[in-house]
Amino acid sequence: MAAFDVVIRGGQVATAADLFTADIGIKDGRITALGHELAKGDEEHDARGKLITPGGIDAHCHIDQKSSFGVPGADDFFTGTRSAACGGTTTVLSFAAQHKGMSLRQVVKDYHALATPKAVIDYGFHLIISDPTEQVLGQELPALIKDGYTSFKIYMTYDLLKLNDREILEVFSLARREGAFVMVHAENHDTIAWLSQKLLDAGHKAPKFHEVSRPQPVEREATHRAITFAELIDVPILIVHVSGREAIDQIRWAQSRGLKIFAETCPQYLFLSAEDLDQPGFEGAKCMCSPPPRDKANQPYVWRGLETDVLNIISSDHAPYRYSDAENGKLRGAQDGFKKVPNGVPGLEVRMPLLFSEGVGKGRIDIHRFVAITATTPAKLYGLAPRKGSVAVGADADLVIWDTDKQVTISQDLLHDAMDYTPYQGITVTGWPAVTLSRGEAVWRDGKFLGKPGRGKFLPRALSPMVKPRGQFWSGFDPNSGRYTG
């Protein structure tokens, strides 16, 4: 019997802190040895001359989820996780989305039924809280947090999802008490609604007016308000899909004051711009997401935010709505205007190669920062470390062997999701995963998908080490000063 199930030979291993050459020995899906000239494995990968990184963790993607107004996404848990694996991602954190009147416990049960028979790689769920009733906040949510659903998302916009300020404070207070991690979609709803109506009344229906209706001050204000509420309740939060320099300035300001404000951005804010929304016909709808891509002059600010750790992670925010489907795709807005277009762009498969090529390859970030923002920091923030997100003895053998010289021109026919377009069509990247291993099993190798539906495992998560249960809101609060004393 071989000493290892799998041995990866002689690769250059990159972590968030180190760069070294080693063999990697894998047994029962976990890394059991790092060294030189390890004993033979039942299966071997020759990685000499290649780079090895931890498998990516995409901590924000929408799979098999309907939009707030009932439009189904294109990807189920097979096509979505297949696409992720082919692009070097080995863990996805998707959403179990509550809509008004729905039991959270039933929502979670329904999403497990969707994911269990189809997922190719490991997965977990964030909860979306859109109806924070006494039953939800008093019973269902605390129980689910204890069961390993330790993060949830709230919205400050969208008619059917948004919470008002008082509801946000109640949710933050619960997160403080239970030690859960809150993600916030920060855009000012009423301002967007007012601007949108003015634009539509004036006959401005084209996709480019989506960006006009959601300008940077709308994101800036909501970001500042979320930060203010987090400061009042004394709870860490993460601002999702940060798009622009004005919101980045608010986050930097909060962090400089010692507040535990974390932030995420996405490839669409590094590679797309407002100009992409202004295309012939209705083609600009292919690049519509919220917040929208900003002008090209904004992109260096986002790169700088990633480089300096103001922006702590990068996720795809994969929200796949086909273009050509007039009923459930982007074209459903062609008659009535941009407000009827399902918001979101695909990106699960290309997140890692885009960032590797244009970040590491162009010298904007180094390889350690790449590993941190695509794998290690998401694992830490969302209670997956040390099992996920690094190359270490005892960790799951989720690994990517890179062909760092391979040039790929992105096109939809090369990708493995269920979409009919990619907004990154025609971008040439240098560096692409040659092999993706999920718990030691090759699910992508040399241009062939090898995974099987149902092999992915659900990941109950620990409380984030960034968030500690703090008790009731009044615990440590001095009503005379209005400040926390500890």
Protein backbone atom coordinates (compact mmCIF):
# COMPACT_ATOMS: atom_id res chain seq x y z
CA MET A 1 0.00 0.00 0.00
CA ALA A 2 1.31 3.43 -0.92
CA ALA A 3 2.09 5.90 1.83
CA PHE A 4 -0.17 8.50 0.23
CA ASP A 5 -3.28 8.52 -1.89
CA VAL A 6 -1.87 11.42 -3.91
CA VAL A 7 1.53 13.08 -4.13
CA ILE A 8 2.18 16.36 -5.91
CA ARG A 9 5.85 16.53 -6.84
CA GLY A 10 8.17 19.52 -6.75
CA GLY A 11 5.82 22.45 -7.16
CA GLN A 12 6.49 25.97 -5.95
CA VAL A 13 3.95 26.42 -3.16
CA ALA A 14 2.54 29.88 -2.47
CA THR A 15 0.64 30.76 0.68
CA ALA A 16 -0.42 34.12 2.07
CA ALA A 17 2.95 34.32 3.84
CA ASP A 18 5.47 31.96 2.24
CA LEU A 19 6.87 30.69 -1.07
CA PHE A 20 8.69 27.35 -1.06
CA THR A 21 9.30 24.24 -3.15
CA ALA A 22 7.94 20.97 -1.79
CA ASP A 23 6.22 17.69 -2.43
CA ILE A 24 2.69 17.52 -1.01
CA GLY A 25 1.43 14.23 0.39
CA ILE A 26 -2.33 13.68 0.59
CA LYS A 27 -4.22 11.00 2.49
CA ASP A 28 -8.00 10.71 2.91
CA GLY A 29 -8.52 14.10 1.32
CA ARG A 30 -6.19 16.02 3.63
CA ILE A 31 -2.62 17.24 3.40
CA THR A 32 -0.56 14.93 5.62
CA ALA A 33 3.00 15.84 4.59
CA LEU A 34 5.05 18.65 3.12
CA GLY A 35 8.63 17.75 2.30
CA HIS A 36 11.14 16.56 -0.26
CA GLU A 37 11.30 13.14 -1.93
CA LEU A 38 8.14 11.91 -0.26
CA ALA A 39 7.22 8.24 -0.62
CA LYS A 40 5.17 7.16 -3.62
CA GLY A 41 1.49 7.89 -3.90
CA ASP A 42 -1.24 5.88 -5.60
CA GLU A 43 -1.66 8.89 -7.88
CA GLU A 44 1.05 11.41 -8.71
CA HIS A 45 1.09 14.90 -10.22
CA ASP A 46 4.33 16.32 -11.56
CA ALA A 47 4.23 20.01 -10.62
CA ARG A 48 7.90 20.81 -11.23
CA GLY A 49 8.13 24.23 -12.83
CA LYS A 50 4.55 25.01 -11.85
CA LEU A 51 2.98 27.12 -9.12
CA ILE A 52 0.66 25.67 -6.47
CA THR A 53 -1.83 27.78 -4.51
CA PRO A 54 -4.71 26.95 -2.18
CA GLY A 55 -7.98 26.34 -3.96
CA GLY A 56 -9.99 29.49 -4.27
CA ILE A 57 -12.87 30.32 -1.94
CA ASP A 58 -15.59 32.32 -3.64
CA ALA A 59 -17.37 33.76 -0.63
CA HIS A 60 -20.17 35.52 -2.51
CA CYS A 61 -22.04 33.80 -5.33
CA HIS A 62 -25.69 33.22 -6.17
CA ILE A 63 -26.43 29.67 -7.33
CA ASP A 64 -29.88 28.25 -8.07
CA GLN A 65 -31.38 31.41 -6.61
CA LYS A 66 -34.27 33.53 -7.85
CA SER A 67 -33.99 37.29 -7.94
CA SER A 68 -36.10 39.35 -5.55
CA PHE A 69 -38.81 39.57 -8.22
CA GLY A 70 -38.81 35.88 -9.06
CA VAL A 71 -36.43 35.56 -12.01
CA PRO A 72 -34.47 32.27 -11.81
CA GLY A 73 -30.72 32.26 -12.30
CA ALA A 74 -29.22 30.15 -15.07
CA ASP A 75 -26.93 27.98 -12.94
CA ASP A 76 -27.91 25.14 -10.68
CA PHE A 77 -25.46 23.64 -8.21
CA PHE A 78 -23.97 21.34 -10.83
CA THR A 79 -23.22 23.91 -13.55
CA GLY A 80 -22.27 26.57 -11.01
CA THR A 81 -19.81 24.45 -9.07
CA ARG A 82 -18.49 22.84 -12.26
CA SER A 83 -17.65 26.30 -13.55
CA ALA A 84 -15.98 27.21 -10.25
CA ALA A 85 -13.82 24.08 -10.26
CA CYS A 86 -12.63 24.67 -13.83
CA GLY A 87 -11.42 28.11 -12.78
CA GLY A 88 -9.53 27.03 -9.66
CA THR A 89 -12.22 27.56 -7.02
CA THR A 90 -12.76 24.66 -4.62
CA THR A 91 -15.22 26.15 -2.13
CA VAL A 92 -18.27 28.32 -2.73
CA LEU A 93 -20.37 30.17 -0.21
CA SER A 94 -23.74 30.68 -1.81
CA PHE A 95 -26.97 32.05 -0.37
CA ALA A 96 -30.09 30.60 1.16
CA ALA A 97 -32.38 33.49 0.32
CA GLN A 98 -35.35 34.31 2.51
CA HIS A 99 -38.19 36.26 0.90
CA LYS A 100 -40.97 37.97 2.81
CA GLY A 101 -43.11 35.56 4.80
CA MET A 102 -40.75 32.61 4.48
CA SER A 103 -39.44 30.54 7.37
CA LEU A 104 -35.63 30.64 7.48
CA ARG A 105 -35.47 27.01 8.53
CA GLN A 106 -37.55 25.97 5.52
CA VAL A 107 -35.40 28.13 3.23
CA VAL A 108 -32.28 26.30 4.40
CA LYS A 109 -33.95 22.93 3.92
CA ASP A 110 -34.95 23.88 0.37
CA TYR A 111 -31.43 24.97 -0.59
CA HIS A 112 -29.91 21.77 0.78
CA ALA A 113 -32.29 19.83 -1.46
CA LEU A 114 -30.98 21.82 -4.43
CA ALA A 115 -27.29 21.49 -3.57
CA THR A 116 -26.81 18.00 -2.11
CA PRO A 117 -27.30 15.93 -5.28
CA LYS A 118 -25.51 18.34 -7.61
CA ALA A 119 -22.57 20.16 -6.02
CA VAL A 120 -19.16 19.15 -7.39
CA ILE A 121 -17.07 21.00 -4.80
CA ASP A 122 -17.60 21.89 -1.14
CA TYR A 123 -20.08 24.58 -0.27
CA GLY A 124 -21.71 26.53 2.52
CA PHE A 125 -24.61 28.92 2.85
CA HIS A 126 -24.94 32.50 3.96
CA LEU A 127 -28.48 33.39 4.96
CA ILE A 128 -30.29 36.33 3.36
CA ILE A 129 -32.48 38.08 5.94
CA SER A 130 -35.30 40.02 4.33
CA ASP A 131 -38.04 39.48 6.93
CA PRO A 132 -36.56 39.89 10.44
CA THR A 133 -39.69 38.99 12.41
CA GLU A 134 -39.70 38.20 16.12
CA GLN A 135 -39.83 34.50 15.21
CA VAL A 136 -36.80 34.82 12.91
CA LEU A 137 -34.68 36.93 15.25
CA GLY A 138 -35.78 35.26 18.46
CA GLN A 139 -35.70 31.61 17.46
CA GLU A 140 -34.82 30.60 13.91
CA LEU A 141 -31.71 32.68 13.32
CA PRO A 142 -30.00 31.98 16.67
CA ALA A 143 -30.62 28.25 16.20
CA LEU A 144 -29.26 28.28 12.65
CA ILE A 145 -26.13 30.16 13.76
CA LYS A 146 -25.48 27.37 16.26
CA ASP A 147 -25.94 24.85 13.44
CA GLY A 148 -23.09 26.39 11.42
CA TYR A 149 -24.82 29.07 9.33
CA THR A 150 -22.71 31.74 10.93
CA SER A 151 -23.03 34.59 8.43
CA PHE A 152 -25.91 36.40 6.84
CA LYS A 153 -26.56 39.19 4.39
CA ILE A 154 -28.89 42.15 4.57
CA TYR A 155 -29.87 44.66 1.91
CA MET A 156 -30.29 48.41 2.10
CA THR A 157 -31.98 48.46 -1.32
CA TYR A 158 -34.42 46.45 -3.52
CA ASP A 159 -38.13 46.74 -2.74
CA LEU A 160 -38.59 43.14 -1.64
CA LEU A 161 -35.32 42.71 0.26
CA LYS A 162 -34.42 45.99 1.95
CA LEU A 163 -34.47 46.50 5.69
CA ASN A 164 -35.24 49.84 7.26
CA ASP A 165 -32.80 51.45 9.68
CA ARG A 166 -34.48 50.07 12.79
CA GLU A 167 -34.50 46.55 11.37
CA ILE A 168 -30.81 46.87 10.54
CA LEU A 169 -30.07 47.87 14.13
CA GLU A 170 -32.04 44.85 15.40
CA VAL A 171 -30.13 42.49 13.11
CA PHE A 172 -26.77 44.02 14.11
CA SER A 173 -27.74 43.64 17.76
CA LEU A 174 -28.51 39.96 17.26
CA ALA A 175 -25.19 39.47 15.45
CA ARG A 176 -23.37 41.08 18.38
CA ARG A 177 -25.11 38.79 20.86
CA GLU A 178 -24.61 35.56 18.89
CA GLY A 179 -21.22 36.24 17.30
CA ALA A 180 -22.50 36.03 13.71
CA PHE A 181 -20.96 37.93 10.80
CA VAL A 182 -23.13 40.39 8.87
CA MET A 183 -22.67 41.22 5.18
CA VAL A 184 -24.26 44.44 3.94
CA HIS A 185 -25.36 45.47 0.45
CA ALA A 186 -24.94 49.23 0.88
CA GLU A 187 -26.93 51.42 -1.51
CA ASN A 188 -29.55 54.05 -0.62
CA HIS A 189 -32.86 52.62 -1.81
CA ASP A 190 -35.03 55.72 -1.81
CA THR A 191 -32.49 57.73 -3.77
CA ILE A 192 -32.21 54.99 -6.39
CA ALA A 193 -36.00 54.73 -6.68
CA TRP A 194 -36.37 58.49 -7.08
CA LEU A 195 -33.61 58.80 -9.68
CA SER A 196 -34.86 55.77 -11.59
CA GLN A 197 -38.37 57.12 -11.82
CA LYS A 198 -37.14 60.52 -13.04
CA LEU A 199 -35.03 58.83 -15.73
CA LEU A 200 -37.81 56.52 -16.90
CA ASP A 201 -40.37 59.33 -16.95
CA ALA A 202 -38.01 61.21 -19.26
CA GLY A 203 -37.77 58.20 -21.57
CA HIS A 204 -34.27 57.11 -20.54
CA LYS A 205 -34.62 53.31 -20.58
CA ALA A 206 -31.29 52.06 -21.94
CA PRO A 207 -28.92 49.99 -19.78
CA LYS A 208 -26.47 52.90 -19.43
CA PHE A 209 -29.02 54.71 -17.24
CA HIS A 210 -28.73 51.94 -14.65
CA GLU A 211 -25.39 53.48 -13.66
CA VAL A 212 -26.87 56.99 -13.72
CA SER A 213 -29.58 55.87 -11.29
CA ARG A 214 -27.01 54.46 -8.83
CA PRO A 215 -24.18 57.03 -8.71
CA GLN A 216 -21.29 56.78 -6.27
CA PRO A 217 -22.87 59.06 -3.61
CA VAL A 218 -25.71 56.52 -3.28
CA GLU A 219 -23.19 53.83 -2.34
CA ARG A 220 -21.10 56.23 -0.25
CA GLU A 221 -24.04 57.33 1.90
CA ALA A 222 -25.29 53.82 2.58
CA THR A 223 -21.77 52.62 3.34
CA HIS A 224 -21.33 55.41 5.86
CA ARG A 225 -24.73 54.65 7.41
CA ALA A 226 -23.92 50.95 7.75
CA ILE A 227 -20.59 51.84 9.35
CA THR A 228 -22.36 54.21 11.75
CA PHE A 229 -24.82 51.54 12.83
CA ALA A 230 -22.00 49.02 13.29
CA GLU A 231 -20.14 51.52 15.46
CA LEU A 232 -23.26 52.17 17.58
CA ILE A 233 -23.89 48.48 18.14
CA ASP A 234 -20.15 47.66 18.39
CA VAL A 235 -20.25 44.82 15.88
CA PRO A 236 -17.97 43.94 12.93
CA ILE A 237 -19.55 43.96 9.46
CA LEU A 238 -18.45 43.34 5.89
CA ILE A 239 -19.52 45.65 3.06
CA VAL A 240 -20.05 43.51 -0.04
CA HIS A 241 -19.21 44.28 -3.70
CA VAL A 242 -17.64 47.69 -3.10
CA SER A 243 -17.50 49.41 -6.46
CA GLY A 244 -16.13 52.91 -6.11
CA ARG A 245 -13.54 55.17 -4.60
CA GLU A 246 -16.12 57.13 -2.57
CA ALA A 247 -17.25 54.03 -0.65
CA ILE A 248 -13.62 52.93 -0.34
CA ASP A 249 -12.81 56.27 1.31
CA GLN A 250 -15.56 55.68 3.88
CA ILE A 251 -14.24 52.19 4.67
CA ARG A 252 -10.66 53.44 4.95
CA TRP A 253 -11.82 56.19 7.31
CA ALA A 254 -13.63 53.67 9.51
CA GLN A 255 -10.68 51.29 9.60
CA SER A 256 -8.32 54.14 10.51
CA ARG A 257 -10.50 54.77 13.57
CA GLY A 258 -10.10 51.17 14.70
CA LEU A 259 -13.57 50.01 13.67
CA LYS A 260 -13.87 46.39 12.52
CA ILE A 261 -15.17 47.15 9.05
CA PHE A 262 -14.27 44.62 6.38
CA ALA A 263 -14.92 44.91 2.66
CA GLU A 264 -15.14 42.88 -0.53
CA THR A 265 -14.86 43.81 -4.17
CA CYS A 266 -15.42 41.89 -7.41
CA PRO A 267 -13.80 41.53 -10.86
CA GLN A 268 -16.50 43.65 -12.50
CA TYR A 269 -15.12 46.73 -10.74
CA LEU A 270 -11.60 46.01 -11.95
CA PHE A 271 -12.35 45.00 -15.55
CA LEU A 272 -15.68 46.59 -16.53
CA SER A 273 -16.67 50.24 -16.60
CA ALA A 274 -19.71 52.44 -17.09
CA GLU A 275 -18.79 52.63 -20.76
CA ASP A 276 -19.58 48.92 -21.08
CA LEU A 277 -23.21 49.67 -20.24
CA ASP A 278 -23.42 52.02 -23.23
CA GLN A 279 -23.37 49.53 -26.11
CA PRO A 280 -25.49 49.28 -29.28
CA GLY A 281 -29.01 48.01 -28.86
CA PHE A 282 -29.53 46.40 -25.47
CA GLU A 283 -26.08 44.76 -25.26
CA GLY A 284 -25.10 46.94 -22.29
CA ALA A 285 -27.46 44.87 -20.14
CA LYS A 286 -24.82 42.13 -20.18
CA CYS A 287 -22.72 44.25 -17.81
CA MET A 288 -25.50 45.38 -15.46
CA CYS A 289 -24.97 44.65 -11.79
CA SER A 290 -25.52 46.56 -8.56
CA PRO A 291 -23.62 48.61 -7.66
CA PRO A 292 -22.78 49.23 -11.32
CA PRO A 293 -19.29 49.41 -12.81
CA ARG A 294 -17.89 52.94 -12.52
CA ASP A 295 -15.81 54.99 -14.95
CA LYS A 296 -12.41 53.65 -15.98
CA ALA A 297 -10.62 56.22 -13.82
CA ASN A 298 -12.14 54.44 -10.81
CA GLN A 299 -10.42 51.11 -11.46
CA PRO A 300 -6.98 52.06 -10.04
CA TYR A 301 -8.65 53.00 -6.74
CA VAL A 302 -10.12 49.51 -6.46
CA TRP A 303 -6.77 47.88 -7.23
CA ARG A 304 -5.18 50.14 -4.61
CA GLY A 305 -7.84 49.09 -2.09
CA LEU A 306 -6.96 45.44 -2.66
CA GLU A 307 -3.23 46.10 -2.45
CA THR A 308 -3.51 47.98 0.86
CA ASP A 309 -6.05 45.64 2.53
CA VAL A 310 -8.78 48.26 2.72
CA LEU A 311 -10.60 45.75 0.53
CA ASN A 312 -9.97 42.42 2.22
CA ILE A 313 -11.32 39.83 -0.23
CA ILE A 314 -12.42 39.47 -3.84
CA SER A 315 -15.52 37.44 -4.75
CA SER A 316 -17.32 36.96 -8.03
CA ASP A 317 -20.85 37.92 -6.91
CA HIS A 318 -21.79 35.43 -9.62
CA ALA A 319 -25.42 36.19 -10.51
CA PRO A 320 -26.10 34.39 -13.80
CA TYR A 321 -29.02 35.62 -15.88
CA ARG A 322 -28.91 34.62 -19.54
CA TYR A 323 -29.04 37.44 -22.04
CA SER A 324 -31.26 36.02 -24.76
CA ASP A 325 -34.10 34.79 -22.55
CA ALA A 326 -36.80 37.45 -23.01
CA GLU A 327 -38.82 36.09 -20.08
CA ASN A 328 -36.15 35.34 -17.47
CA GLY A 329 -33.00 36.92 -18.89
CA LYS A 330 -31.54 40.34 -19.51
CA LEU A 331 -33.78 41.00 -22.51
CA ARG A 332 -36.88 41.08 -20.30
CA GLY A 333 -36.04 44.75 -19.75
CA ALA A 334 -35.76 45.66 -23.43
CA GLN A 335 -39.29 47.08 -23.60
CA ASP A 336 -39.83 48.55 -20.14
CA GLY A 337 -36.31 49.76 -19.41
CA PHE A 338 -33.31 49.14 -17.19
CA LYS A 339 -35.35 48.66 -13.99
CA LYS A 340 -36.71 45.39 -15.37
CA VAL A 341 -33.30 43.89 -16.13
CA PRO A 342 -32.20 41.21 -13.63
CA ASN A 343 -29.13 42.58 -11.89
CA GLY A 344 -25.93 40.59 -11.89
CA VAL A 345 -23.13 39.20 -14.01
CA PRO A 346 -21.48 35.75 -14.17
CA GLY A 347 -17.89 35.33 -13.02
CA LEU A 348 -17.27 32.15 -11.00
CA GLU A 349 -14.87 30.56 -13.46
CA VAL A 350 -12.83 33.61 -14.42
CA ARG A 351 -12.37 35.27 -10.99
CA MET A 352 -9.07 33.55 -10.19
CA PRO A 353 -7.46 33.74 -13.68
CA LEU A 354 -8.43 37.41 -14.13
CA LEU A 355 -6.91 38.40 -10.81
CA PHE A 356 -3.83 36.24 -11.31
CA SER A 357 -3.13 37.64 -14.77
CA GLU A 358 -3.87 41.30 -14.21
CA GLY A 359 -2.94 41.43 -10.54
CA VAL A 360 0.11 39.21 -10.05
CA GLY A 361 1.17 39.19 -13.71
CA LYS A 362 1.03 42.97 -14.05
CA GLY A 363 2.66 43.63 -10.66
CA ARG A 364 -0.37 45.24 -9.04
CA ILE A 365 -0.32 42.69 -6.21
CA ASP A 366 2.15 39.96 -5.26
CA ILE A 367 1.42 36.24 -5.10
CA HIS A 368 0.94 36.31 -1.32
CA ARG A 369 -1.73 38.99 -1.60
CA PHE A 370 -3.40 36.98 -4.36
CA VAL A 371 -3.62 33.93 -2.09
CA ALA A 372 -4.87 36.04 0.81
CA ILE A 373 -7.73 37.75 -0.99
CA THR A 374 -8.88 34.71 -2.99
CA ALA A 375 -8.59 32.01 -0.31
CA THR A 376 -6.95 32.60 3.07
CA THR A 377 -8.81 35.69 4.25
CA PRO A 378 -12.25 34.43 3.15
CA ALA A 379 -11.55 31.22 5.09
CA LYS A 380 -10.69 33.22 8.20
CA LEU A 381 -13.56 35.69 7.91
CA TYR A 382 -16.20 33.03 7.40
CA GLY A 383 -15.13 30.35 9.87
CA LEU A 384 -13.55 27.90 7.42
CA ALA A 385 -9.94 28.13 8.63
CA PRO A 386 -7.74 26.18 9.18
CA ARG A 387 -9.53 23.48 7.17
CA LYS A 388 -9.72 25.64 4.05
CA GLY A 389 -7.68 28.45 2.53
CA SER A 390 -4.07 27.40 3.01
CA VAL A 391 -1.48 24.75 2.19
CA ALA A 392 -0.71 23.19 5.55
CA VAL A 393 -0.58 19.77 7.17
CA GLY A 394 -4.07 18.92 8.35
CA ALA A 395 -5.88 21.17 5.89
CA ASP A 396 -8.14 19.83 3.19
CA ALA A 397 -6.17 19.13 0.01
CA ASP A 398 -7.90 21.86 -1.98
CA LEU A 399 -5.16 22.93 -4.38
CA VAL A 400 -4.58 24.55 -7.74
CA ILE A 401 -1.60 23.70 -9.96
CA TRP A 402 -1.15 26.67 -12.29
CA ASP A 403 0.21 26.85 -15.79
CA THR A 404 1.48 30.38 -15.27
CA ASP A 405 2.44 30.87 -18.93
CA LYS A 406 -0.76 29.65 -20.54
CA GLN A 407 -2.56 32.37 -22.48
CA VAL A 408 -6.34 32.15 -22.74
CA THR A 409 -8.66 34.54 -24.52
CA ILE A 410 -11.88 34.38 -22.54
CA SER A 411 -14.97 33.44 -24.51
CA GLN A 412 -18.24 31.88 -23.47
CA ASP A 413 -17.65 28.71 -25.47
CA LEU A 414 -14.64 27.91 -23.26
CA LEU A 415 -16.52 28.30 -19.99
CA HIS A 416 -18.52 25.72 -18.06
CA ASP A 417 -21.49 27.58 -16.58
CA ALA A 418 -25.01 27.59 -18.06
CA MET A 419 -24.76 31.10 -19.48
CA ASP A 420 -25.02 32.34 -23.06
CA TYR A 421 -22.49 35.16 -22.60
CA THR A 422 -19.61 36.39 -20.47
CA PRO A 423 -19.03 40.11 -19.84
CA TYR A 424 -15.28 39.38 -20.06
CA GLN A 425 -15.47 38.20 -23.68
CA GLY A 426 -12.21 38.86 -25.54
CA ILE A 427 -9.99 39.57 -22.53
CA THR A 428 -6.71 37.64 -22.81
CA VAL A 429 -5.22 36.39 -19.56
CA THR A 430 -1.88 34.78 -18.84
CA GLY A 431 -2.08 31.97 -16.30
CA TRP A 432 -4.80 29.35 -15.99
CA PRO A 433 -5.36 26.36 -13.69
CA ALA A 434 -3.84 23.18 -15.13
CA VAL A 435 -5.20 21.03 -12.28
CA THR A 436 -7.80 21.72 -9.60
CA LEU A 437 -7.92 19.30 -6.69
CA SER A 438 -10.84 19.19 -4.27
CA ARG A 439 -9.91 17.20 -1.16
CA GLY A 440 -7.14 15.58 -3.20
CA GLU A 441 -9.36 14.54 -6.11
CA ALA A 442 -8.71 16.11 -9.49
CA VAL A 443 -11.93 17.76 -10.66
CA TRP A 444 -10.24 19.68 -13.50
CA ARG A 445 -7.11 18.56 -15.33
CA ASP A 446 -5.55 19.57 -18.63
CA GLY A 447 -8.69 21.12 -20.02
CA LYS A 448 -11.07 18.37 -18.94
CA PHE A 449 -13.71 18.52 -16.24
CA LEU A 450 -13.55 15.37 -14.10
CA GLY A 451 -15.89 16.10 -11.18
CA LYS A 452 -19.06 14.22 -10.35
CA PRO A 453 -22.32 15.77 -9.18
CA GLY A 454 -22.99 15.18 -5.49
CA ARG A 455 -19.34 14.79 -4.41
CA GLY A 456 -19.28 18.26 -2.85
CA LYS A 457 -19.77 18.40 0.91
CA PHE A 458 -21.74 20.91 2.93
CA LEU A 459 -19.54 22.93 5.30
CA PRO A 460 -21.02 23.91 8.66
CA ARG A 461 -18.90 26.86 9.74
CA ALA A 462 -17.49 28.05 13.02
CA LEU A 463 -18.03 31.57 14.24
CA SER A 464 -15.64 33.96 12.56
CA PRO A 465 -12.55 34.68 14.68
CA MET A 466 -13.13 38.31 13.70
CA VAL A 467 -16.44 38.27 15.59
CA LYS A 468 -16.88 37.28 19.22
CA PRO A 469 -20.25 36.84 20.97
CA ARG A 470 -20.61 40.00 23.06
CA GLY A 471 -23.93 39.49 24.82
CA GLN A 472 -26.88 41.84 24.75
CA PHE A 473 -26.56 45.32 23.27
CA TRP A 474 -26.30 46.85 26.76
CA SER A 475 -23.41 44.61 27.80
CA GLY A 476 -20.45 46.92 28.32
CA PHE A 477 -22.45 50.01 27.29
CA ASP A 478 -22.24 53.14 29.43
CA PRO A 479 -25.53 55.05 29.01
CA ASN A 480 -24.00 58.17 30.51
CA SER A 481 -21.30 58.47 27.86
CA GLY A 482 -23.08 56.58 25.09
CA ARG A 483 -19.92 54.49 24.58
CA TYR A 484 -18.80 50.93 25.19
CA THR A 485 -16.36 50.39 28.01
CA GLY A 486 -15.22 46.93 27.00
